[in-house]
Amino acid sequence: MTNAAFRELMDIRGKGDPESGAVSISGVDPVFSTRFKIGETCASVLGAIGVATSDIWRERTGRGQQATIDVRHAAATLRSAHYLQARGNDNAFALVARDADAIVAQQITQPWQAKDGRWVLPHFGLPHLRDRVLGVLGCEPTPDSVSRAVAGWDALDLENAIDEARACGGMVRPNAEWLAHPHGQALAAKPVVEITKIGDSNPEPFDAGDRPLSGIRVLDLTRILAGPVAARTLAEHGAEVMMVAAENTPQIKSFVMDTCHGKRSCFLDLATTDGVAGLKALVRDADVFSQGYRPGVLNARGFGPEQLAELRPGLIYTSINCFGYDGPFKHRGGWEQVAQTVTGICNEGHPDHPALLPAAACDYTTGYLGAYGVLLALARRAREGGSYHVKVSLCQSGMFIYRQGKADFTESDMDLSPAELDAIQIESSTGHGDLKHLGPVLRLSETQPAWTRPTPVLGSSAPRW
C-alpha cells in the first residue's frame, strides 16, 4: 500500500514510482488517540527512506532491496523516548524517569486561553527559554499562574511579545488561517524536503562496503529531537556519526539516551578559537553537516552552508528548524508543540478545545525527512558531484501531516500492546548502563538497519574521526 504522502516524497526523489514490490506499507491509523494519520505519514517517510537507501545500495552493488514497514511500528517511533527503559539495581528494566523540571515544563507547555478568547501556547522547554517566557508573562511556572497570566493578554500580542523576547510560543491557528498567512504561504510554495545545489565538485561514487552508508561521515550539531533523529537514522544504515556539542549546552537526558544510538559524541565550544578550529578540521573530512541552530547563527561563526561548501566541496549541509527558511517567521525559534500550534493540528486536537498530539509527530517526522533528503543528496553527489543544502522544518512537517487527512478514533488511551512493543525493542549496553529501547523498525531485504555503536555519554570521544 502506498498513499499521497509516499507519492509526494517520490516526486522529490524525481525518479518516478519505485519498481513493483520495492515497498510494502501495512496497517492503518489510528494507533494513538488522534484523528491525524501520524502513523501512516511516518510509515510513508520510512518507506521513502527505504527506497532512497535501496537506490544507494544499487549504486554500490547493482542490486536493489525490498523495504517493508508497519504503520503501528512507525507510530511507536514517534514517541520512542516514552518507551525507554533502564536496568535497575534489581536487574529488572523500568521506564526511565523524567526529571522534575521536564515534568513541570510539560504541564505548562499547553494551550491556554487568552483575553480575546483565542488560545496561545507558551513553550517552557529548556531553562533559559523558560525564564524568558516567564519574564514576558510575569508569573510562576505553575499551571494556575500561567493560565491567569495568559488570560491577561490578547493572543497575537502575546505571540509577538514572546518572539521579541527571543523565546518560543505561538497562537493557536486553524489550518486555513495558517495557509492564508504570509508565512504559511511561503512554506506551502516549497517542497516538504528542499534540496538545493550550492556548489560544484567532482562526483564522489560510493565505495565498496557492507552497508549502504559505509564510509559516510556525518557531523551532528543538533539536539531535541528532529536533528538527532536524522543523524541516528543515517547511523542505522552504516554512517559514522559524530555528535558535537559544547559541554555546557542544555540537554534533556532521556532524549539524549534515546536519540544517540549508533553515534560518538565530542565536546567543542564554538565560542572559542580552538573549538572553531576543531570543528573545521572535522568538516574537511565529513560528508554531511547537520545543524539545528536558529537561522544566521552559524553563518556568523563561519559555518554557513556556502562557507562550508568552499571548505569541503561535496558537503551535504542539512538545516533543521521549526519555521523554515522563508517568510516573516523564519527568524523564530520553536519546538514540536509550537509547530503543532501554528499549523492547525493543535486547533483540532480535541472536540472542545485545542490540544497537543499524543506523540512528537512533527519532531520525529522532520528527523526522518531530513535523513531522506541527505540520502537523496548523497546519491546525486555520487552521480553528478556538487555540494547540496537539505532543508526541513517542523512546520513543514506539521503541514505535511495535516494534508494527509483524518482517521476516526475513540477517546481512549490507545497505544501498542506490550507484545507489540517487545517485538520491536532491543537491549544495549551503553555508557548510561543497560537500556531497553526501540530498535530500527524499517525492514530491508538485504541490509537490515542496525546501530553498531551503543548510545554514548556526551563528550566521551575525542573530536576526530
Protein backbone atom coordinates (compact mmCIF):
# COMPACT_ATOMS: atom_id res chain seq x y z
CA MET A 1 0.00 0.00 0.00
CA THR A 2 1.22 3.49 -0.81
CA ASN A 3 -0.55 6.79 -0.24
CA ALA A 4 -0.44 10.51 -1.06
CA ALA A 5 2.37 11.15 1.44
CA PHE A 6 4.59 8.48 -0.11
CA ARG A 7 3.88 9.71 -3.63
CA GLU A 8 4.74 13.27 -2.62
CA LEU A 9 8.10 12.05 -1.37
CA MET A 10 8.71 10.07 -4.55
CA ASP A 11 8.14 13.28 -6.51
CA ILE A 12 11.02 14.83 -4.56
CA ARG A 13 13.17 11.80 -5.43
CA GLY A 14 12.46 12.56 -9.08
CA LYS A 15 12.71 9.03 -10.48
CA GLY A 16 9.06 8.12 -10.71
CA ASP A 17 7.50 5.26 -8.78
CA PRO A 18 9.81 2.56 -7.43
CA GLU A 19 9.59 -0.81 -9.12
CA SER A 20 6.68 -3.05 -8.20
CA GLY A 21 7.18 -4.78 -4.86
CA ALA A 22 10.01 -2.48 -3.76
CA VAL A 23 7.99 -1.05 -0.86
CA SER A 24 5.31 -2.59 1.34
CA ILE A 25 3.48 -0.44 3.91
CA SER A 26 0.95 -2.29 6.05
CA GLY A 27 -1.56 -1.12 8.64
CA VAL A 28 -3.69 1.97 9.19
CA ASP A 29 -4.31 4.68 11.75
CA PRO A 30 -5.35 5.31 14.42
CA VAL A 31 -2.60 3.88 16.57
CA PHE A 32 -2.88 6.59 19.21
CA SER A 33 -5.83 8.75 20.25
CA THR A 34 -5.71 11.35 17.49
CA ARG A 35 -7.64 11.94 14.31
CA PHE A 36 -4.43 12.78 12.45
CA LYS A 37 -2.79 10.00 10.45
CA ILE A 38 0.57 10.32 12.15
CA GLY A 39 1.40 6.61 11.93
CA GLU A 40 0.62 6.34 8.22
CA THR A 41 2.51 9.56 7.49
CA CYS A 42 5.59 8.39 9.39
CA ALA A 43 5.43 4.97 7.71
CA SER A 44 5.40 6.71 4.33
CA VAL A 45 8.55 8.64 5.20
CA LEU A 46 10.28 5.50 6.45
CA GLY A 47 9.21 3.71 3.27
CA ALA A 48 10.74 6.54 1.26
CA ILE A 49 13.95 6.17 3.26
CA GLY A 50 13.89 2.51 2.31
CA VAL A 51 13.65 3.45 -1.37
CA ALA A 52 16.46 6.01 -1.11
CA THR A 53 18.64 3.53 0.76
CA SER A 54 17.92 0.92 -1.90
CA ASP A 55 18.93 3.43 -4.58
CA ILE A 56 22.31 3.83 -2.88
CA TRP A 57 22.71 0.09 -2.45
CA ARG A 58 22.03 -0.34 -6.15
CA GLU A 59 24.75 2.26 -6.86
CA ARG A 60 27.15 0.23 -4.69
CA THR A 61 26.28 -3.29 -5.77
CA GLY A 62 23.90 -3.25 -8.73
CA ARG A 63 21.20 -4.81 -6.56
CA GLY A 64 18.03 -3.22 -5.23
CA GLN A 65 16.24 -4.09 -1.98
CA GLN A 66 12.70 -4.55 -0.75
CA ALA A 67 11.54 -2.28 2.09
CA THR A 68 8.71 -3.10 4.48
CA ILE A 69 7.22 -1.01 7.26
CA ASP A 70 4.30 -1.49 9.64
CA VAL A 71 2.22 1.60 10.43
CA ARG A 72 1.91 0.66 14.09
CA HIS A 73 5.68 0.24 14.42
CA ALA A 74 6.24 3.55 12.64
CA ALA A 75 3.84 5.27 15.04
CA ALA A 76 5.75 3.87 18.02
CA THR A 77 8.90 5.65 16.85
CA LEU A 78 7.08 8.98 17.21
CA ARG A 79 7.24 8.56 20.97
CA SER A 80 10.27 6.31 21.32
CA ALA A 81 11.61 8.11 24.40
CA HIS A 82 8.32 7.25 26.11
CA TYR A 83 9.28 3.56 25.93
CA LEU A 84 12.92 3.92 27.01
CA GLN A 85 13.86 1.63 29.91
CA ALA A 86 16.97 1.23 32.03
CA ARG A 87 18.10 -1.76 34.08
CA GLY A 88 17.84 -1.06 37.80
CA ASN A 89 19.65 -2.42 40.83
CA ASP A 90 17.14 -5.28 40.95
CA ASN A 91 18.29 -6.33 37.45
CA ALA A 92 14.86 -5.51 36.00
CA PHE A 93 14.13 -2.92 33.33
CA ALA A 94 11.94 0.05 34.25
CA LEU A 95 10.89 3.16 32.37
CA VAL A 96 13.43 5.97 32.60
CA ALA A 97 12.03 8.64 34.89
CA ARG A 98 11.93 12.20 33.61
CA ASP A 99 13.44 14.87 35.80
CA ALA A 100 11.20 17.22 37.76
CA ASP A 101 11.87 20.21 35.51
CA ALA A 102 10.79 18.27 32.43
CA ILE A 103 7.55 17.20 34.11
CA VAL A 104 6.73 20.79 35.09
CA ALA A 105 7.61 22.04 31.60
CA GLN A 106 5.21 19.54 30.03
CA GLN A 107 2.41 20.53 32.41
CA ILE A 108 2.62 24.21 31.46
CA THR A 109 3.62 23.89 27.81
CA GLN A 110 -0.02 23.65 26.79
CA PRO A 111 -2.54 25.88 25.01
CA TRP A 112 -4.04 28.48 27.36
CA GLN A 113 -6.97 30.78 26.62
CA ALA A 114 -6.17 34.46 26.14
CA LYS A 115 -8.25 37.56 26.92
CA ASP A 116 -9.73 37.73 23.41
CA GLY A 117 -10.95 34.12 23.53
CA ARG A 118 -8.18 32.72 21.36
CA TRP A 119 -5.51 30.32 22.61
CA VAL A 120 -1.75 30.59 22.98
CA LEU A 121 0.91 28.00 23.72
CA PRO A 122 3.99 29.43 25.51
CA HIS A 123 6.89 26.98 25.48
CA PHE A 124 8.84 26.28 28.67
CA GLY A 125 11.27 23.59 27.46
CA LEU A 126 14.82 24.50 28.45
CA PRO A 127 15.68 26.68 31.48
CA HIS A 128 16.91 29.77 29.60
CA LEU A 129 13.88 29.78 27.29
CA ARG A 130 11.53 29.08 30.18
CA ASP A 131 12.88 32.10 32.05
CA ARG A 132 12.35 34.35 29.03
CA VAL A 133 8.69 33.31 28.74
CA LEU A 134 8.15 33.73 32.46
CA GLY A 135 9.65 37.20 32.15
CA VAL A 136 7.12 38.10 29.46
CA LEU A 137 4.21 36.67 31.43
CA GLY A 138 5.37 37.86 34.84
CA CYS A 139 4.21 34.66 36.51
CA GLU A 140 5.34 31.49 38.27
CA PRO A 141 5.91 28.16 36.46
CA THR A 142 2.65 26.59 37.62
CA PRO A 143 -0.49 25.82 35.59
CA ASP A 144 -2.69 28.23 37.58
CA SER A 145 -0.20 31.08 37.38
CA VAL A 146 0.45 30.61 33.65
CA SER A 147 -3.28 30.36 32.94
CA ARG A 148 -4.01 33.63 34.75
CA ALA A 149 -1.11 35.40 33.07
CA VAL A 150 -2.07 34.34 29.53
CA ALA A 151 -5.67 35.39 30.22
CA GLY A 152 -4.41 38.96 30.63
CA TRP A 153 -3.16 39.18 27.03
CA ASP A 154 -4.69 39.22 23.58
CA ALA A 155 -3.35 36.15 21.80
CA LEU A 156 -1.49 37.77 18.92
CA ASP A 157 0.04 40.41 21.18
CA LEU A 158 1.40 37.65 23.42
CA GLU A 159 2.80 35.70 20.47
CA ASN A 160 4.61 38.82 19.29
CA ALA A 161 5.93 39.62 22.78
CA ILE A 162 7.31 36.09 23.13
CA ASP A 163 9.05 36.50 19.77
CA GLU A 164 10.54 39.86 20.79
CA ALA A 165 11.95 38.19 23.92
CA ARG A 166 13.61 35.54 21.71
CA ALA A 167 11.57 32.90 23.47
CA CYS A 168 9.26 30.29 21.93
CA GLY A 169 5.50 30.07 21.61
CA GLY A 170 2.62 30.53 19.22
CA MET A 171 -1.01 31.47 18.82
CA VAL A 172 -3.31 28.55 18.02
CA ARG A 173 -4.44 28.88 14.41
CA PRO A 174 -6.84 26.86 12.29
CA ASN A 175 -5.07 25.31 9.32
CA ALA A 176 -6.94 27.54 6.86
CA GLU A 177 -5.77 30.64 8.72
CA TRP A 178 -2.18 29.37 8.68
CA LEU A 179 -2.30 28.68 4.95
CA ALA A 180 -3.64 32.19 4.35
CA HIS A 181 -0.87 33.75 6.47
CA PRO A 182 2.20 35.02 4.57
CA HIS A 183 4.41 32.54 6.38
CA GLY A 184 2.12 29.60 5.68
CA GLN A 185 2.02 30.67 2.04
CA ALA A 186 5.82 30.83 1.91
CA LEU A 187 6.12 27.27 3.23
CA ALA A 188 3.33 25.95 1.02
CA ALA A 189 5.28 27.10 -2.04
CA LYS A 190 8.20 24.83 -1.06
CA PRO A 191 8.52 21.02 -1.04
CA VAL A 192 8.48 19.32 2.35
CA VAL A 193 12.17 18.48 1.76
CA GLU A 194 14.21 21.12 -0.07
CA ILE A 195 17.44 20.04 -1.79
CA THR A 196 19.43 22.85 -3.38
CA LYS A 197 22.79 22.65 -5.11
CA ILE A 198 25.12 25.23 -3.53
CA GLY A 199 28.49 24.42 -5.09
CA ASP A 200 30.33 22.43 -7.71
CA SER A 201 32.58 19.46 -7.06
CA ASN A 202 33.59 16.20 -8.66
CA PRO A 203 31.29 13.17 -8.35
CA GLU A 204 32.00 11.00 -5.31
CA PRO A 205 30.89 7.45 -6.12
CA PHE A 206 30.12 5.19 -3.19
CA ASP A 207 32.99 2.95 -2.12
CA ALA A 208 32.61 -0.75 -1.61
CA GLY A 209 31.13 -1.57 1.77
CA ASP A 210 28.74 -3.92 3.52
CA ARG A 211 26.24 -1.16 4.46
CA PRO A 212 24.51 1.43 2.24
CA LEU A 213 26.29 4.31 4.03
CA SER A 214 29.61 2.60 4.77
CA GLY A 215 32.35 5.22 4.70
CA ILE A 216 29.96 8.19 5.03
CA ARG A 217 30.84 10.60 7.85
CA VAL A 218 28.17 12.74 9.49
CA LEU A 219 28.59 15.68 11.87
CA ASP A 220 25.53 16.12 14.09
CA LEU A 221 25.24 19.59 15.69
CA THR A 222 21.63 19.19 16.80
CA ARG A 223 19.56 18.37 19.87
CA ILE A 224 15.97 17.65 20.94
CA LEU A 225 14.62 15.89 18.78
CA ALA A 226 14.40 16.17 15.00
CA GLY A 227 18.09 16.67 14.26
CA PRO A 228 19.34 13.83 16.45
CA VAL A 229 16.74 11.52 14.87
CA ALA A 230 18.01 12.43 11.38
CA ALA A 231 21.60 11.55 12.28
CA ARG A 232 20.53 8.44 14.21
CA THR A 233 18.69 7.26 11.08
CA LEU A 234 21.84 7.68 8.97
CA ALA A 235 23.74 5.66 11.58
CA GLU A 236 21.17 2.86 11.14
CA HIS A 237 22.44 2.43 7.59
CA GLY A 238 26.15 2.41 8.36
CA ALA A 239 27.20 6.06 8.55
CA GLU A 240 29.84 7.12 11.07
CA VAL A 241 28.15 9.85 13.13
CA MET A 242 29.90 12.30 15.45
CA MET A 243 27.60 14.34 17.69
CA VAL A 244 29.16 17.74 18.52
CA ALA A 245 28.07 19.99 21.39
CA ALA A 246 29.51 22.43 23.86
CA GLU A 247 29.97 20.92 27.30
CA ASN A 248 27.54 23.38 28.91
CA THR A 249 24.79 23.03 26.29
CA PRO A 250 21.41 22.32 27.99
CA GLN A 251 20.14 18.84 27.16
CA ILE A 252 17.31 16.54 28.21
CA LYS A 253 19.00 13.33 29.32
CA SER A 254 16.30 10.84 28.32
CA PHE A 255 16.19 12.29 24.79
CA VAL A 256 19.98 12.10 24.55
CA MET A 257 19.89 8.46 25.64
CA ASP A 258 17.23 7.60 23.09
CA THR A 259 18.40 9.55 20.02
CA CYS A 260 22.15 8.88 20.11
CA HIS A 261 22.21 5.17 19.29
CA GLY A 262 24.95 4.48 16.81
CA LYS A 263 26.86 7.73 17.38
CA ARG A 264 30.00 9.00 19.03
CA SER A 265 29.98 12.28 20.94
CA CYS A 266 32.56 15.01 21.46
CA PHE A 267 32.66 18.47 23.02
CA LEU A 268 33.66 21.55 21.02
CA ASP A 269 32.84 25.09 22.08
CA LEU A 270 32.32 27.31 19.04
CA ALA A 271 32.75 30.39 21.22
CA THR A 272 36.46 29.55 21.40
CA THR A 273 39.20 29.64 18.77
CA ASP A 274 40.13 26.04 19.49
CA GLY A 275 36.52 24.92 19.14
CA VAL A 276 36.16 26.61 15.76
CA ALA A 277 39.43 25.11 14.54
CA GLY A 278 38.45 21.66 15.81
CA LEU A 279 35.10 21.71 14.03
CA LYS A 280 36.63 22.91 10.77
CA ALA A 281 39.11 20.04 10.94
CA LEU A 282 36.21 17.59 11.27
CA VAL A 283 34.30 19.26 8.41
CA ARG A 284 37.21 18.79 5.99
CA ASP A 285 36.79 15.00 6.18
CA ALA A 286 32.99 14.92 6.59
CA ASP A 287 30.28 14.11 4.06
CA VAL A 288 27.30 15.52 5.96
CA PHE A 289 27.00 18.52 8.29
CA SER A 290 23.66 18.61 10.13
CA GLN A 291 22.70 21.59 12.28
CA GLY A 292 19.66 22.87 14.14
CA TYR A 293 20.64 26.43 15.09
CA ARG A 294 18.43 29.46 14.53
CA PRO A 295 18.92 30.90 11.01
CA GLY A 296 22.06 33.01 10.74
CA VAL A 297 23.77 31.86 13.93
CA LEU A 298 26.28 29.52 12.29
CA ASN A 299 26.84 31.84 9.33
CA ALA A 300 28.12 34.45 11.77
CA ARG A 301 30.66 31.91 13.04
CA GLY A 302 31.85 30.82 9.61
CA PHE A 303 29.80 27.63 9.41
CA GLY A 304 27.06 28.60 6.96
CA PRO A 305 26.23 26.29 4.04
CA GLU A 306 28.14 28.15 1.33
CA GLN A 307 31.08 28.76 3.66
CA LEU A 308 31.44 25.05 4.42
CA ALA A 309 30.89 24.06 0.79
CA GLU A 310 34.02 26.07 0.00
CA LEU A 311 35.92 24.40 2.84
CA ARG A 312 34.75 20.92 1.87
CA PRO A 313 33.45 20.74 -1.73
CA GLY A 314 30.87 17.96 -1.98
CA LEU A 315 29.47 18.52 1.53
CA ILE A 316 25.79 17.79 2.21
CA TYR A 317 24.71 20.60 4.56
CA THR A 318 21.47 19.89 6.42
CA SER A 319 19.41 22.55 8.20
CA ILE A 320 16.62 21.61 10.60
CA ASN A 321 14.47 24.18 12.40
CA CYS A 322 10.88 24.98 13.35
CA PHE A 323 9.62 27.68 10.99
CA GLY A 324 11.60 27.02 7.81
CA TYR A 325 13.81 29.33 5.79
CA ASP A 326 11.49 31.79 4.05
CA GLY A 327 8.67 34.03 5.25
CA PRO A 328 8.19 36.54 8.09
CA PHE A 329 8.66 33.96 10.88
CA LYS A 330 11.89 32.42 9.59
CA HIS A 331 13.90 34.02 12.42
CA ARG A 332 11.79 32.43 15.15
CA GLY A 333 12.89 29.50 17.25
CA GLY A 334 10.41 26.78 18.01
CA TRP A 335 9.63 23.29 19.14
CA GLU A 336 7.34 20.37 18.38
CA GLN A 337 4.44 21.90 20.29
CA VAL A 338 4.83 25.29 18.59
CA ALA A 339 4.69 23.70 15.13
CA GLN A 340 1.50 21.85 16.06
CA THR A 341 0.07 25.09 17.44
CA VAL A 342 0.55 27.36 14.44
CA THR A 343 -0.15 24.90 11.59
CA GLY A 344 -3.64 23.84 12.71
CA ILE A 345 -3.00 20.47 14.32
CA CYS A 346 -3.41 21.70 17.89
CA ASN A 347 -6.59 23.58 16.94
CA GLU A 348 -8.28 20.28 16.14
CA GLY A 349 -6.70 18.30 18.95
CA HIS A 350 -9.89 17.92 20.98
CA PRO A 351 -13.55 18.49 20.08
CA ASP A 352 -13.96 21.12 22.81
CA HIS A 353 -10.59 22.85 22.97
CA PRO A 354 -7.13 22.89 21.40
CA ALA A 355 -4.88 20.02 22.44
CA LEU A 356 -1.49 18.58 21.53
CA LEU A 357 -0.91 15.27 19.80
CA PRO A 358 -0.14 12.22 21.97
CA ALA A 359 3.24 11.91 20.19
CA ALA A 360 6.02 14.20 18.96
CA ALA A 361 4.98 13.63 15.35
CA CYS A 362 6.42 16.85 13.91
CA ASP A 363 9.82 16.31 15.51
CA TYR A 364 10.35 12.69 14.54
CA THR A 365 8.80 13.07 11.09
CA THR A 366 11.10 16.05 10.44
CA GLY A 367 14.10 14.00 11.51
CA TYR A 368 13.20 11.20 9.12
CA LEU A 369 12.55 13.70 6.33
CA GLY A 370 15.99 15.20 6.96
CA ALA A 371 17.60 11.79 6.66
CA TYR A 372 15.63 11.16 3.45
CA GLY A 373 16.92 14.42 1.98
CA VAL A 374 20.50 13.52 2.89
CA LEU A 375 20.18 10.12 1.21
CA LEU A 376 18.86 11.72 -1.98
CA ALA A 377 21.62 14.34 -1.95
CA LEU A 378 24.35 11.73 -1.40
CA ALA A 379 23.04 9.73 -4.37
CA ARG A 380 23.01 12.86 -6.51
CA ARG A 381 26.55 13.73 -5.43
CA ALA A 382 27.69 10.25 -6.42
CA ARG A 383 26.24 10.69 -9.92
CA GLU A 384 26.76 14.39 -10.65
CA GLY A 385 29.04 15.82 -8.00
CA GLY A 386 28.21 19.03 -6.18
CA SER A 387 27.56 20.36 -2.68
CA TYR A 388 23.92 20.41 -1.52
CA HIS A 389 21.79 22.12 1.10
CA VAL A 390 18.98 19.99 2.55
CA LYS A 391 16.27 21.90 4.45
CA VAL A 392 13.45 20.55 6.58
CA SER A 393 11.33 22.13 9.30
CA LEU A 394 8.80 21.22 11.97
CA CYS A 395 6.15 23.49 10.47
CA GLN A 396 6.56 21.91 7.04
CA SER A 397 6.12 18.52 8.70
CA GLY A 398 3.02 19.75 10.52
CA MET A 399 1.54 20.88 7.22
CA PHE A 400 2.54 17.55 5.64
CA ILE A 401 0.77 15.64 8.41
CA TYR A 402 -2.32 17.83 8.19
CA ARG A 403 -2.84 17.33 4.47
CA GLN A 404 -2.92 13.53 4.81
CA GLY A 405 -6.47 13.76 6.12
CA LYS A 406 -8.11 12.32 9.21
CA ALA A 407 -8.98 8.97 10.73
CA ASP A 408 -11.78 8.06 13.12
CA PHE A 409 -10.70 7.24 16.67
CA THR A 410 -12.13 6.64 20.10
CA GLU A 411 -11.45 8.83 23.12
CA SER A 412 -9.20 6.42 25.00
CA ASP A 413 -5.53 5.96 25.79
CA MET A 414 -4.57 3.98 22.70
CA ASP A 415 -1.08 2.51 22.42
CA LEU A 416 0.81 -0.52 21.22
CA SER A 417 0.33 -3.67 23.27
CA PRO A 418 3.20 -4.94 25.44
CA ALA A 419 3.67 -7.82 22.98
CA GLU A 420 3.87 -5.42 20.03
CA LEU A 421 6.44 -3.27 21.80
CA ASP A 422 8.51 -6.24 22.89
CA ALA A 423 8.78 -7.35 19.26
CA ILE A 424 10.47 -4.11 18.21
CA GLN A 425 12.57 -3.41 21.31
CA ILE A 426 16.24 -4.28 21.68
CA GLU A 427 18.70 -4.20 24.57
CA SER A 428 22.06 -2.48 24.52
CA SER A 429 24.88 -1.92 26.99
CA THR A 430 25.76 1.80 26.99
CA GLY A 431 27.64 4.43 28.89
CA HIS A 432 24.34 5.04 30.68
CA GLY A 433 24.03 1.41 31.71
CA ASP A 434 21.89 -1.31 30.14
CA LEU A 435 18.99 0.09 28.14
CA LYS A 436 15.93 -1.41 26.52
CA HIS A 437 14.62 0.71 23.67
CA LEU A 438 13.03 0.65 20.24
CA GLY A 439 15.25 -0.69 17.51
CA PRO A 440 15.05 0.36 13.86
CA VAL A 441 11.58 -0.52 12.54
CA LEU A 442 12.24 -0.24 8.80
CA ARG A 443 12.95 -3.67 7.32
CA LEU A 444 15.23 -4.09 4.32
CA SER A 445 15.71 -7.38 2.49
CA GLU A 446 19.49 -7.28 2.27
CA THR A 447 20.99 -4.69 4.66
CA GLN A 448 18.83 -4.68 7.77
CA PRO A 449 19.13 -1.31 9.57
CA ALA A 450 21.10 -1.57 12.82
CA TRP A 451 23.30 0.51 15.11
CA THR A 452 26.83 -0.78 15.54
CA ARG A 453 27.64 1.55 18.45
CA PRO A 454 25.72 1.91 21.72
CA THR A 455 24.44 5.32 22.76
CA PRO A 456 27.38 7.25 24.24
CA VAL A 457 27.88 9.52 27.20
CA LEU A 458 28.12 13.08 25.93
CA GLY A 459 31.71 14.15 25.29
CA SER A 460 33.09 10.63 25.63
CA SER A 461 35.06 10.75 22.35
CA ALA A 462 37.88 12.94 21.13
CA PRO A 463 36.90 15.37 18.32
CA ARG A 464 38.45 13.37 15.49
CA TRP A 465 37.34 10.75 13.01
